[in-house]
């Protein structure tokens, strides 16, 4: 289920071959297979990208498939962006975990092992989905790394709670219920929740599970103080924070290439502000982006937006 990284997707314009201030991401990335992960002694910080090529969770959730191709397209878009990282910051591509057939749970477990290995190697995981079932594998790796007792805060920028029943099977719409049912040292804050995207029953499920959430209609760039205060209060109750972005939270005018487009979604600048605030906190461990579906995109709008938001993560990570 694991595929080693390749430079195939890392190419673009070259302004200079020697001046690092002129480099783009494709000139800074280094391939680092999980089985042979080595970190440069000169690096003060290392980010490790790993893709999760899976559509199975979205398929089970009756969504529109295609996000399994997201990792490669995101890499291609990020590769072309100017790189403003310091010369002491290293970026490695650690390859992909691939869901083979219906073996989603096995793929999630393998992603978890890869995420834990990145962290153990002092590498910050940046995970490229894949359907939002990506997050369960992301979570497994974080929990393995921090141990069973540390208080873990999950911040999900999403239009949906993803807390549907999973007795018959898990999917891209069940992960957070799975986690909260299994792990009593977890807190969950969902930012961008839409009433149009969740039934009354799901709001009741969230209430019973003590989920904290901020509705889409409560969010505004002009009222970020209240939003950041609520986020800070959530962070203060946890030892570690992980951040996940489901791109269907973004207005479909900017992010049409998703499984469930949102006509009343968030403005990208607002999402950028939330991301910058969360990743600048010293408790942050990792980040993933999910539900980027190139087959449904328009002129690479969603792919490009995802790459730009990842760039913000890399530049603002504490």
C-alpha atoms as a PDB file:
ATOM      1  CA  UNK A   1       0.000   0.000   0.000  1.00  0.00           C
ATOM      2  CA  UNK A   2       3.022   2.296   0.197  1.00  0.00           C
ATOM      3  CA  UNK A   3       4.564   3.923  -2.878  1.00  0.00           C
ATOM      4  CA  UNK A   4       7.930   5.672  -2.700  1.00  0.00           C
ATOM      5  CA  UNK A   5       8.143   9.357  -3.674  1.00  0.00           C
ATOM      6  CA  UNK A   6       9.043  10.492  -7.162  1.00  0.00           C
ATOM      7  CA  UNK A   7      10.199  13.779  -8.687  1.00  0.00           C
ATOM      8  CA  UNK A   8       7.660  13.341 -11.488  1.00  0.00           C
ATOM      9  CA  UNK A   9       5.302  15.905  -9.933  1.00  0.00           C
ATOM     10  CA  UNK A  10       7.955  18.348  -8.732  1.00  0.00           C
ATOM     11  CA  UNK A  11       8.793  20.604 -11.662  1.00  0.00           C
ATOM     12  CA  UNK A  12       8.275  24.184 -12.797  1.00  0.00           C
ATOM     13  CA  UNK A  13       9.953  27.434 -13.739  1.00  0.00           C
ATOM     14  CA  UNK A  14      13.590  27.954 -12.786  1.00  0.00           C
ATOM     15  CA  UNK A  15      14.638  31.568 -12.203  1.00  0.00           C
ATOM     16  CA  UNK A  16      18.034  30.592 -10.821  1.00  0.00           C
ATOM     17  CA  UNK A  17      19.902  27.362 -10.167  1.00  0.00           C
ATOM     18  CA  UNK A  18      22.054  28.806  -7.388  1.00  0.00           C
ATOM     19  CA  UNK A  19      20.212  31.649  -5.636  1.00  0.00           C
ATOM     20  CA  UNK A  20      17.920  30.063  -3.017  1.00  0.00           C
ATOM     21  CA  UNK A  21      15.942  33.307  -2.750  1.00  0.00           C
ATOM     22  CA  UNK A  22      14.810  32.668  -6.323  1.00  0.00           C
ATOM     23  CA  UNK A  23      13.827  29.032  -5.756  1.00  0.00           C
ATOM     24  CA  UNK A  24      10.386  27.536  -6.097  1.00  0.00           C
ATOM     25  CA  UNK A  25       9.201  24.542  -4.123  1.00  0.00           C
ATOM     26  CA  UNK A  26      10.254  22.033  -6.766  1.00  0.00           C
ATOM     27  CA  UNK A  27      13.846  23.186  -6.233  1.00  0.00           C
ATOM     28  CA  UNK A  28      13.683  22.785  -2.459  1.00  0.00           C
ATOM     29  CA  UNK A  29      11.917  19.444  -2.048  1.00  0.00           C
ATOM     30  CA  UNK A  30      13.879  16.275  -1.303  1.00  0.00           C
ATOM     31  CA  UNK A  31      12.654  12.705  -1.690  1.00  0.00           C
ATOM     32  CA  UNK A  32      12.681  10.720   1.569  1.00  0.00           C
ATOM     33  CA  UNK A  33      11.034   7.280   1.543  1.00  0.00           C
ATOM     34  CA  UNK A  34       9.535   6.317   4.904  1.00  0.00           C
ATOM     35  CA  UNK A  35      11.781   3.254   5.113  1.00  0.00           C
ATOM     36  CA  UNK A  36      14.883   5.416   4.688  1.00  0.00           C
ATOM     37  CA  UNK A  37      13.905   8.675   6.348  1.00  0.00           C
ATOM     38  CA  UNK A  38      16.967  10.740   7.171  1.00  0.00           C
ATOM     39  CA  UNK A  39      16.954  14.355   8.255  1.00  0.00           C
ATOM     40  CA  UNK A  40      19.718  16.812   7.402  1.00  0.00           C
ATOM     41  CA  UNK A  41      21.873  17.906  10.352  1.00  0.00           C
ATOM     42  CA  UNK A  42      21.751  21.437   8.960  1.00  0.00           C
ATOM     43  CA  UNK A  43      17.945  21.663   9.054  1.00  0.00           C
ATOM     44  CA  UNK A  44      16.337  23.554  11.940  1.00  0.00           C
ATOM     45  CA  UNK A  45      12.922  22.220  10.928  1.00  0.00           C
ATOM     46  CA  UNK A  46      11.693  19.534   8.540  1.00  0.00           C
ATOM     47  CA  UNK A  47       8.262  19.150   6.967  1.00  0.00           C
ATOM     48  CA  UNK A  48       7.327  15.742   5.573  1.00  0.00           C
ATOM     49  CA  UNK A  49       4.577  15.437   2.974  1.00  0.00           C
ATOM     50  CA  UNK A  50       2.783  12.140   2.557  1.00  0.00           C
ATOM     51  CA  UNK A  51      -0.194  11.472   0.302  1.00  0.00           C
ATOM     52  CA  UNK A  52      -3.197   9.285   1.074  1.00  0.00           C
ATOM     53  CA  UNK A  53      -4.686   8.060  -2.192  1.00  0.00           C
ATOM     54  CA  UNK A  54      -8.141   6.898  -1.174  1.00  0.00           C
ATOM     55  CA  UNK A  55     -11.691   7.317  -2.440  1.00  0.00           C
ATOM     56  CA  UNK A  56     -13.165   4.365  -0.600  1.00  0.00           C
ATOM     57  CA  UNK A  57     -14.500   6.398   2.328  1.00  0.00           C
ATOM     58  CA  UNK A  58     -16.221   8.880   0.025  1.00  0.00           C
ATOM     59  CA  UNK A  59     -17.623   6.024  -2.022  1.00  0.00           C
ATOM     60  CA  UNK A  60     -19.079   4.395   1.097  1.00  0.00           C
ATOM     61  CA  UNK A  61     -20.501   7.792   2.071  1.00  0.00           C
ATOM     62  CA  UNK A  62     -22.322   8.049  -1.296  1.00  0.00           C
ATOM     63  CA  UNK A  63     -20.162  10.990  -2.356  1.00  0.00           C
ATOM     64  CA  UNK A  64     -18.513  11.855  -5.663  1.00  0.00           C
ATOM     65  CA  UNK A  65     -15.253   9.971  -6.023  1.00  0.00           C
ATOM     66  CA  UNK A  66     -11.989  11.315  -7.469  1.00  0.00           C
ATOM     67  CA  UNK A  67     -10.082  12.683  -4.464  1.00  0.00           C
ATOM     68  CA  UNK A  68      -7.624   9.770  -4.608  1.00  0.00           C
ATOM     69  CA  UNK A  69      -5.821  11.725  -7.341  1.00  0.00           C
ATOM     70  CA  UNK A  70      -5.585  14.806  -5.150  1.00  0.00           C
ATOM     71  CA  UNK A  71      -2.069  14.264  -3.752  1.00  0.00           C
ATOM     72  CA  UNK A  72      -0.335  14.325  -7.137  1.00  0.00           C
ATOM     73  CA  UNK A  73      -2.238  17.368  -8.366  1.00  0.00           C
ATOM     74  CA  UNK A  74      -1.554  19.259  -5.134  1.00  0.00           C
ATOM     75  CA  UNK A  75       2.151  18.468  -5.413  1.00  0.00           C
ATOM     76  CA  UNK A  76       2.194  19.772  -8.989  1.00  0.00           C
ATOM     77  CA  UNK A  77       0.513  23.025  -7.942  1.00  0.00           C
ATOM     78  CA  UNK A  78       2.723  23.531  -4.888  1.00  0.00           C
ATOM     79  CA  UNK A  79       5.867  22.774  -6.896  1.00  0.00           C
ATOM     80  CA  UNK A  80       5.400  25.927  -8.985  1.00  0.00           C
ATOM     81  CA  UNK A  81       4.962  28.351  -6.068  1.00  0.00           C
ATOM     82  CA  UNK A  82       7.854  30.565  -4.919  1.00  0.00           C
ATOM     83  CA  UNK A  83       9.412  29.118  -1.772  1.00  0.00           C
ATOM     84  CA  UNK A  84       9.762  31.617   1.079  1.00  0.00           C
ATOM     85  CA  UNK A  85      10.915  29.068   3.658  1.00  0.00           C
ATOM     86  CA  UNK A  86      14.154  29.841   5.447  1.00  0.00           C
ATOM     87  CA  UNK A  87      17.276  28.142   4.157  1.00  0.00           C
ATOM     88  CA  UNK A  88      17.356  26.079   7.389  1.00  0.00           C
ATOM     89  CA  UNK A  89      13.881  24.638   6.768  1.00  0.00           C
ATOM     90  CA  UNK A  90      13.739  21.343   4.890  1.00  0.00           C
ATOM     91  CA  UNK A  91      10.833  19.954   2.867  1.00  0.00           C
ATOM     92  CA  UNK A  92      10.722  16.250   2.082  1.00  0.00           C
ATOM     93  CA  UNK A  93       8.282  14.188   0.050  1.00  0.00           C
ATOM     94  CA  UNK A  94       7.712  10.873   1.808  1.00  0.00           C
ATOM     95  CA  UNK A  95       5.558   9.256  -0.884  1.00  0.00           C
ATOM     96  CA  UNK A  96       1.995   7.914  -0.789  1.00  0.00           C
ATOM     97  CA  UNK A  97      -0.124   5.405   1.048  1.00  0.00           C
ATOM     98  CA  UNK A  98      -2.612   3.872  -1.389  1.00  0.00           C
ATOM     99  CA  UNK A  99      -5.960   2.307  -0.520  1.00  0.00           C
ATOM    100  CA  UNK A 100      -6.108  -0.894  -2.548  1.00  0.00           C
ATOM    101  CA  UNK A 101      -9.657  -1.874  -3.429  1.00  0.00           C
ATOM    102  CA  UNK A 102     -11.874  -1.734  -0.355  1.00  0.00           C
ATOM    103  CA  UNK A 103      -9.025  -2.083   2.153  1.00  0.00           C
ATOM    104  CA  UNK A 104      -9.581   1.378   3.638  1.00  0.00           C
ATOM    105  CA  UNK A 105      -9.023   0.400   7.261  1.00  0.00           C
ATOM    106  CA  UNK A 106      -5.702  -1.267   6.419  1.00  0.00           C
ATOM    107  CA  UNK A 107      -4.634   1.830   4.464  1.00  0.00           C
ATOM    108  CA  UNK A 108      -5.598   4.097   7.379  1.00  0.00           C
ATOM    109  CA  UNK A 109      -3.495   1.953   9.711  1.00  0.00           C
ATOM    110  CA  UNK A 110      -0.529   2.219   7.342  1.00  0.00           C
ATOM    111  CA  UNK A 111      -0.940   5.987   7.101  1.00  0.00           C
ATOM    112  CA  UNK A 112      -0.986   6.110  10.898  1.00  0.00           C
ATOM    113  CA  UNK A 113       2.279   4.184  11.066  1.00  0.00           C
ATOM    114  CA  UNK A 114       3.846   6.573   8.529  1.00  0.00           C
ATOM    115  CA  UNK A 115       2.676   9.672  10.433  1.00  0.00           C
ATOM    116  CA  UNK A 116       4.084   8.305  13.696  1.00  0.00           C
ATOM    117  CA  UNK A 117       7.385   7.527  11.983  1.00  0.00           C
ATOM    118  CA  UNK A 118       7.609  11.064  10.596  1.00  0.00           C
ATOM    119  CA  UNK A 119       7.074  12.523  14.057  1.00  0.00           C
ATOM    120  CA  UNK A 120       9.577  10.133  15.639  1.00  0.00           C
ATOM    121  CA  UNK A 121      12.074  11.380  13.051  1.00  0.00           C
ATOM    122  CA  UNK A 122      11.424  14.981  14.148  1.00  0.00           C
ATOM    123  CA  UNK A 123       9.516  15.667  10.946  1.00  0.00           C
ATOM    124  CA  UNK A 124       6.245  17.632  10.859  1.00  0.00           C
ATOM    125  CA  UNK A 125       3.574  15.652   8.945  1.00  0.00           C
ATOM    126  CA  UNK A 126       1.733  17.427   6.134  1.00  0.00           C
ATOM    127  CA  UNK A 127      -0.809  14.938   4.789  1.00  0.00           C
ATOM    128  CA  UNK A 128      -2.386  15.236   1.346  1.00  0.00           C
ATOM    129  CA  UNK A 129      -5.768  13.485   0.951  1.00  0.00           C
ATOM    130  CA  UNK A 130      -7.680  11.677  -0.356  1.00  0.00           C
ATOM    131  CA  UNK A 131     -11.198  11.638   0.958  1.00  0.00           C
ATOM    132  CA  UNK A 132     -11.667  12.889   4.496  1.00  0.00           C
ATOM    133  CA  UNK A 133     -11.234   9.310   5.711  1.00  0.00           C
ATOM    134  CA  UNK A 134      -7.599  10.457   5.496  1.00  0.00           C
ATOM    135  CA  UNK A 135      -8.063  11.992   8.912  1.00  0.00           C
ATOM    136  CA  UNK A 136      -8.606   8.717  10.753  1.00  0.00           C
ATOM    137  CA  UNK A 137      -5.168   7.512   9.644  1.00  0.00           C
ATOM    138  CA  UNK A 138      -3.739  10.919  10.543  1.00  0.00           C
ATOM    139  CA  UNK A 139      -5.249  10.609  14.032  1.00  0.00           C
ATOM    140  CA  UNK A 140      -3.951   7.053  14.537  1.00  0.00           C
ATOM    141  CA  UNK A 141      -0.395   8.226  13.911  1.00  0.00           C
ATOM    142  CA  UNK A 142      -0.671  11.181  16.265  1.00  0.00           C
ATOM    143  CA  UNK A 143      -2.145   9.114  19.073  1.00  0.00           C
ATOM    144  CA  UNK A 144       0.565   6.481  18.668  1.00  0.00           C
ATOM    145  CA  UNK A 145       3.213   9.188  18.916  1.00  0.00           C
ATOM    146  CA  UNK A 146       1.862  11.123  21.929  1.00  0.00           C
ATOM    147  CA  UNK A 147       0.715   8.067  23.883  1.00  0.00           C
ATOM    148  CA  UNK A 148      -2.709   7.112  25.281  1.00  0.00           C
ATOM    149  CA  UNK A 149      -3.022   9.665  28.089  1.00  0.00           C
ATOM    150  CA  UNK A 150      -2.128  13.013  26.511  1.00  0.00           C
ATOM    151  CA  UNK A 151      -5.091  15.269  25.884  1.00  0.00           C
ATOM    152  CA  UNK A 152      -5.482  15.674  22.104  1.00  0.00           C
ATOM    153  CA  UNK A 153      -7.446  18.533  20.559  1.00  0.00           C
ATOM    154  CA  UNK A 154      -8.768  18.049  17.025  1.00  0.00           C
ATOM    155  CA  UNK A 155      -9.642  21.157  15.032  1.00  0.00           C
ATOM    156  CA  UNK A 156     -11.586  20.424  11.859  1.00  0.00           C
ATOM    157  CA  UNK A 157     -12.355  23.201   9.364  1.00  0.00           C
ATOM    158  CA  UNK A 158     -15.384  21.612   7.756  1.00  0.00           C
ATOM    159  CA  UNK A 159     -19.013  22.123   6.772  1.00  0.00           C
ATOM    160  CA  UNK A 160     -19.854  18.690   8.223  1.00  0.00           C
ATOM    161  CA  UNK A 161     -19.478  17.037  11.625  1.00  0.00           C
ATOM    162  CA  UNK A 162     -18.641  13.665   9.978  1.00  0.00           C
ATOM    163  CA  UNK A 163     -20.220  11.869  12.922  1.00  0.00           C
ATOM    164  CA  UNK A 164     -22.574   9.445  11.204  1.00  0.00           C
ATOM    165  CA  UNK A 165     -23.180   5.947  12.605  1.00  0.00           C
ATOM    166  CA  UNK A 166     -20.535   3.392  11.644  1.00  0.00           C
ATOM    167  CA  UNK A 167     -22.023   0.105  12.857  1.00  0.00           C
ATOM    168  CA  UNK A 168     -22.340  -1.227   9.306  1.00  0.00           C
ATOM    169  CA  UNK A 169     -19.126   0.319   7.971  1.00  0.00           C
ATOM    170  CA  UNK A 170     -16.895   3.322   8.451  1.00  0.00           C
ATOM    171  CA  UNK A 171     -16.624   6.018   5.784  1.00  0.00           C
ATOM    172  CA  UNK A 172     -15.518   9.590   5.184  1.00  0.00           C
ATOM    173  CA  UNK A 173     -18.549  10.652   7.225  1.00  0.00           C
ATOM    174  CA  UNK A 174     -17.902   8.673  10.402  1.00  0.00           C
ATOM    175  CA  UNK A 175     -14.302   9.319  11.554  1.00  0.00           C
ATOM    176  CA  UNK A 176     -14.912  11.807  14.320  1.00  0.00           C
ATOM    177  CA  UNK A 177     -17.617   9.697  15.961  1.00  0.00           C
ATOM    178  CA  UNK A 178     -15.277   6.711  15.780  1.00  0.00           C
ATOM    179  CA  UNK A 179     -12.523   8.699  17.453  1.00  0.00           C
ATOM    180  CA  UNK A 180     -14.676  10.224  20.206  1.00  0.00           C
ATOM    181  CA  UNK A 181     -16.297   6.861  20.957  1.00  0.00           C
ATOM    182  CA  UNK A 182     -12.903   5.151  21.242  1.00  0.00           C
ATOM    183  CA  UNK A 183     -10.717   7.887  22.715  1.00  0.00           C
ATOM    184  CA  UNK A 184     -11.855   9.723  25.834  1.00  0.00           C
ATOM    185  CA  UNK A 185      -8.740  11.901  25.871  1.00  0.00           C
ATOM    186  CA  UNK A 186      -9.865  13.748  22.744  1.00  0.00           C
ATOM    187  CA  UNK A 187     -11.618  17.060  22.249  1.00  0.00           C
ATOM    188  CA  UNK A 188     -13.222  18.091  18.966  1.00  0.00           C
ATOM    189  CA  UNK A 189     -13.813  21.585  17.592  1.00  0.00           C
ATOM    190  CA  UNK A 190     -15.421  21.938  14.163  1.00  0.00           C
ATOM    191  CA  UNK A 191     -15.184  25.327  12.472  1.00  0.00           C
ATOM    192  CA  UNK A 192     -17.507  26.172   9.577  1.00  0.00           C
ATOM    193  CA  UNK A 193     -20.447  23.880  10.335  1.00  0.00           C
ATOM    194  CA  UNK A 194     -23.461  24.386   8.069  1.00  0.00           C
ATOM    195  CA  UNK A 195     -27.040  23.593   9.008  1.00  0.00           C
ATOM    196  CA  UNK A 196     -27.611  22.663   5.348  1.00  0.00           C
ATOM    197  CA  UNK A 197     -24.907  20.013   5.622  1.00  0.00           C
ATOM    198  CA  UNK A 198     -25.988  18.275   8.836  1.00  0.00           C
ATOM    199  CA  UNK A 199     -29.276  16.783   9.995  1.00  0.00           C
ATOM    200  CA  UNK A 200     -30.881  17.591  13.362  1.00  0.00           C
ATOM    201  CA  UNK A 201     -29.811  14.116  14.454  1.00  0.00           C
ATOM    202  CA  UNK A 202     -26.170  14.954  13.739  1.00  0.00           C
ATOM    203  CA  UNK A 203     -26.412  18.133  15.813  1.00  0.00           C
ATOM    204  CA  UNK A 204     -27.830  16.014  18.645  1.00  0.00           C
ATOM    205  CA  UNK A 205     -25.011  13.495  18.233  1.00  0.00           C
ATOM    206  CA  UNK A 206     -22.500  16.330  18.414  1.00  0.00           C
ATOM    207  CA  UNK A 207     -24.173  17.665  21.566  1.00  0.00           C
ATOM    208  CA  UNK A 208     -24.094  14.257  23.278  1.00  0.00           C
ATOM    209  CA  UNK A 209     -20.418  13.900  22.392  1.00  0.00           C
ATOM    210  CA  UNK A 210     -19.659  17.399  23.755  1.00  0.00           C
ATOM    211  CA  UNK A 211     -18.417  18.606  20.385  1.00  0.00           C
ATOM    212  CA  UNK A 212     -17.622  22.292  20.174  1.00  0.00           C
ATOM    213  CA  UNK A 213     -18.451  24.018  16.908  1.00  0.00           C
ATOM    214  CA  UNK A 214     -18.662  27.383  15.186  1.00  0.00           C
ATOM    215  CA  UNK A 215     -21.347  27.796  12.547  1.00  0.00           C
ATOM    216  CA  UNK A 216     -20.449  29.069   9.088  1.00  0.00           C
ATOM    217  CA  UNK A 217     -22.864  31.982   9.553  1.00  0.00           C
ATOM    218  CA  UNK A 218     -20.995  33.081  12.704  1.00  0.00           C
ATOM    219  CA  UNK A 219     -17.681  33.433  10.882  1.00  0.00           C
ATOM    220  CA  UNK A 220     -16.400  36.631   9.309  1.00  0.00           C
ATOM    221  CA  UNK A 221     -13.031  38.232   8.591  1.00  0.00           C
ATOM    222  CA  UNK A 222     -14.371  41.338  10.332  1.00  0.00           C
ATOM    223  CA  UNK A 223     -15.106  39.390  13.523  1.00  0.00           C
ATOM    224  CA  UNK A 224     -12.002  37.219  13.818  1.00  0.00           C
ATOM    225  CA  UNK A 225     -11.379  38.242  17.440  1.00  0.00           C
ATOM    226  CA  UNK A 226     -14.332  36.218  18.679  1.00  0.00           C
ATOM    227  CA  UNK A 227     -13.357  33.243  16.488  1.00  0.00           C
ATOM    228  CA  UNK A 228      -9.735  33.239  17.623  1.00  0.00           C
ATOM    229  CA  UNK A 229     -10.827  33.541  21.254  1.00  0.00           C
ATOM    230  CA  UNK A 230     -13.047  30.468  20.939  1.00  0.00           C
ATOM    231  CA  UNK A 231     -10.237  28.576  19.205  1.00  0.00           C
ATOM    232  CA  UNK A 232      -7.765  29.629  21.896  1.00  0.00           C
ATOM    233  CA  UNK A 233     -10.115  28.472  24.657  1.00  0.00           C
ATOM    234  CA  UNK A 234     -10.349  25.069  22.984  1.00  0.00           C
ATOM    235  CA  UNK A 235      -6.589  24.829  22.523  1.00  0.00           C
ATOM    236  CA  UNK A 236      -5.979  25.707  26.184  1.00  0.00           C
ATOM    237  CA  UNK A 237      -7.844  22.561  27.281  1.00  0.00           C
ATOM    238  CA  UNK A 238      -5.559  20.220  25.334  1.00  0.00           C
ATOM    239  CA  UNK A 239      -1.916  19.147  25.407  1.00  0.00           C
ATOM    240  CA  UNK A 240      -1.539  18.809  21.630  1.00  0.00           C
ATOM    241  CA  UNK A 241      -3.461  20.072  18.592  1.00  0.00           C
ATOM    242  CA  UNK A 242      -3.897  18.623  15.115  1.00  0.00           C
ATOM    243  CA  UNK A 243      -5.578  20.464  12.264  1.00  0.00           C
ATOM    244  CA  UNK A 244      -7.571  19.049   9.371  1.00  0.00           C
ATOM    245  CA  UNK A 245      -9.115  20.949   6.457  1.00  0.00           C
ATOM    246  CA  UNK A 246     -11.959  19.526   4.400  1.00  0.00           C
ATOM    247  CA  UNK A 247     -12.034  21.696   1.287  1.00  0.00           C
ATOM    248  CA  UNK A 248     -15.810  21.350   0.953  1.00  0.00           C
ATOM    249  CA  UNK A 249     -16.021  24.002   3.702  1.00  0.00           C
ATOM    250  CA  UNK A 250     -14.953  26.608   1.129  1.00  0.00           C
ATOM    251  CA  UNK A 251     -17.417  28.465  -1.108  1.00  0.00           C
ATOM    252  CA  UNK A 252     -17.949  26.401  -4.261  1.00  0.00           C
ATOM    253  CA  UNK A 253     -17.124  29.448  -6.389  1.00  0.00           C
ATOM    254  CA  UNK A 254     -13.535  29.013  -5.187  1.00  0.00           C
ATOM    255  CA  UNK A 255     -13.545  25.251  -4.528  1.00  0.00           C
ATOM    256  CA  UNK A 256     -15.784  23.462  -7.038  1.00  0.00           C
ATOM    257  CA  UNK A 257     -13.617  20.330  -7.122  1.00  0.00           C
ATOM    258  CA  UNK A 258     -14.912  18.629  -3.975  1.00  0.00           C
ATOM    259  CA  UNK A 259     -17.250  15.761  -3.171  1.00  0.00           C
ATOM    260  CA  UNK A 260     -19.937  18.017  -1.655  1.00  0.00           C
ATOM    261  CA  UNK A 261     -19.690  21.630  -2.919  1.00  0.00           C
ATOM    262  CA  UNK A 262     -20.900  24.427  -0.611  1.00  0.00           C
ATOM    263  CA  UNK A 263     -22.737  27.421  -2.141  1.00  0.00           C
ATOM    264  CA  UNK A 264     -22.678  29.064   1.298  1.00  0.00           C
ATOM    265  CA  UNK A 265     -19.112  28.019   2.080  1.00  0.00           C
ATOM    266  CA  UNK A 266     -16.363  30.106   3.615  1.00  0.00           C
ATOM    267  CA  UNK A 267     -14.263  32.667   1.781  1.00  0.00           C
ATOM    268  CA  UNK A 268     -10.695  31.385   1.173  1.00  0.00           C
ATOM    269  CA  UNK A 269      -9.174  34.406   2.933  1.00  0.00           C
ATOM    270  CA  UNK A 270     -11.154  33.552   6.061  1.00  0.00           C
ATOM    271  CA  UNK A 271      -9.988  29.937   5.906  1.00  0.00           C
ATOM    272  CA  UNK A 272      -6.423  31.168   5.461  1.00  0.00           C
ATOM    273  CA  UNK A 273      -6.747  33.348   8.581  1.00  0.00           C
ATOM    274  CA  UNK A 274      -8.079  30.447  10.664  1.00  0.00           C
ATOM    275  CA  UNK A 275      -5.298  28.150   9.462  1.00  0.00           C
ATOM    276  CA  UNK A 276      -2.592  30.729  10.153  1.00  0.00           C
ATOM    277  CA  UNK A 277      -3.914  31.247  13.657  1.00  0.00           C
ATOM    278  CA  UNK A 278      -4.088  27.544  14.532  1.00  0.00           C
ATOM    279  CA  UNK A 279      -0.713  26.497  13.099  1.00  0.00           C
ATOM    280  CA  UNK A 280       1.059  29.394  14.808  1.00  0.00           C
ATOM    281  CA  UNK A 281       0.212  27.862  18.198  1.00  0.00           C
ATOM    282  CA  UNK A 282       3.052  25.993  19.890  1.00  0.00           C
ATOM    283  CA  UNK A 283       0.810  22.958  20.560  1.00  0.00           C
ATOM    284  CA  UNK A 284       0.275  22.148  16.870  1.00  0.00           C
ATOM    285  CA  UNK A 285       1.699  18.836  15.634  1.00  0.00           C
ATOM    286  CA  UNK A 286       0.444  18.274  12.087  1.00  0.00           C
ATOM    287  CA  UNK A 287      -1.916  19.216   9.278  1.00  0.00           C
ATOM    288  CA  UNK A 288      -3.929  17.484   6.579  1.00  0.00           C
ATOM    289  CA  UNK A 289      -6.021  18.661   3.642  1.00  0.00           C
ATOM    290  CA  UNK A 290      -8.728  16.411   2.216  1.00  0.00           C
ATOM    291  CA  UNK A 291     -11.479  16.126  -0.412  1.00  0.00           C
ATOM    292  CA  UNK A 292      -9.603  17.841  -3.243  1.00  0.00           C
ATOM    293  CA  UNK A 293     -11.110  16.173  -6.305  1.00  0.00           C
ATOM    294  CA  UNK A 294      -9.258  17.046  -9.549  1.00  0.00           C
ATOM    295  CA  UNK A 295     -11.807  15.224 -11.735  1.00  0.00           C
ATOM    296  CA  UNK A 296     -14.504  17.700 -10.644  1.00  0.00           C
ATOM    297  CA  UNK A 297     -12.335  20.814 -10.616  1.00  0.00           C
ATOM    298  CA  UNK A 298     -12.606  23.867 -12.874  1.00  0.00           C
ATOM    299  CA  UNK A 299      -9.292  25.121 -14.289  1.00  0.00           C
ATOM    300  CA  UNK A 300      -7.503  23.665 -11.245  1.00  0.00           C
ATOM    301  CA  UNK A 301      -9.199  26.193  -8.922  1.00  0.00           C
ATOM    302  CA  UNK A 302      -9.494  23.822  -5.968  1.00  0.00           C
ATOM    303  CA  UNK A 303      -6.100  22.209  -6.486  1.00  0.00           C
ATOM    304  CA  UNK A 304      -4.397  25.611  -6.680  1.00  0.00           C
ATOM    305  CA  UNK A 305      -6.241  26.865  -3.609  1.00  0.00           C
ATOM    306  CA  UNK A 306      -5.206  23.768  -1.644  1.00  0.00           C
ATOM    307  CA  UNK A 307      -1.561  24.338  -2.620  1.00  0.00           C
ATOM    308  CA  UNK A 308      -1.733  27.987  -1.529  1.00  0.00           C
ATOM    309  CA  UNK A 309      -3.249  27.012   1.829  1.00  0.00           C
ATOM    310  CA  UNK A 310      -0.532  24.399   2.382  1.00  0.00           C
ATOM    311  CA  UNK A 311       2.003  27.126   1.620  1.00  0.00           C
ATOM    312  CA  UNK A 312       0.423  29.183   4.430  1.00  0.00           C
ATOM    313  CA  UNK A 313       0.784  26.224   6.781  1.00  0.00           C
ATOM    314  CA  UNK A 314       4.472  25.827   5.924  1.00  0.00           C
ATOM    315  CA  UNK A 315       5.184  29.539   6.374  1.00  0.00           C
ATOM    316  CA  UNK A 316       3.291  29.999   9.646  1.00  0.00           C
ATOM    317  CA  UNK A 317       3.828  26.694  11.471  1.00  0.00           C
ATOM    318  CA  UNK A 318       5.023  27.352  15.029  1.00  0.00           C
END
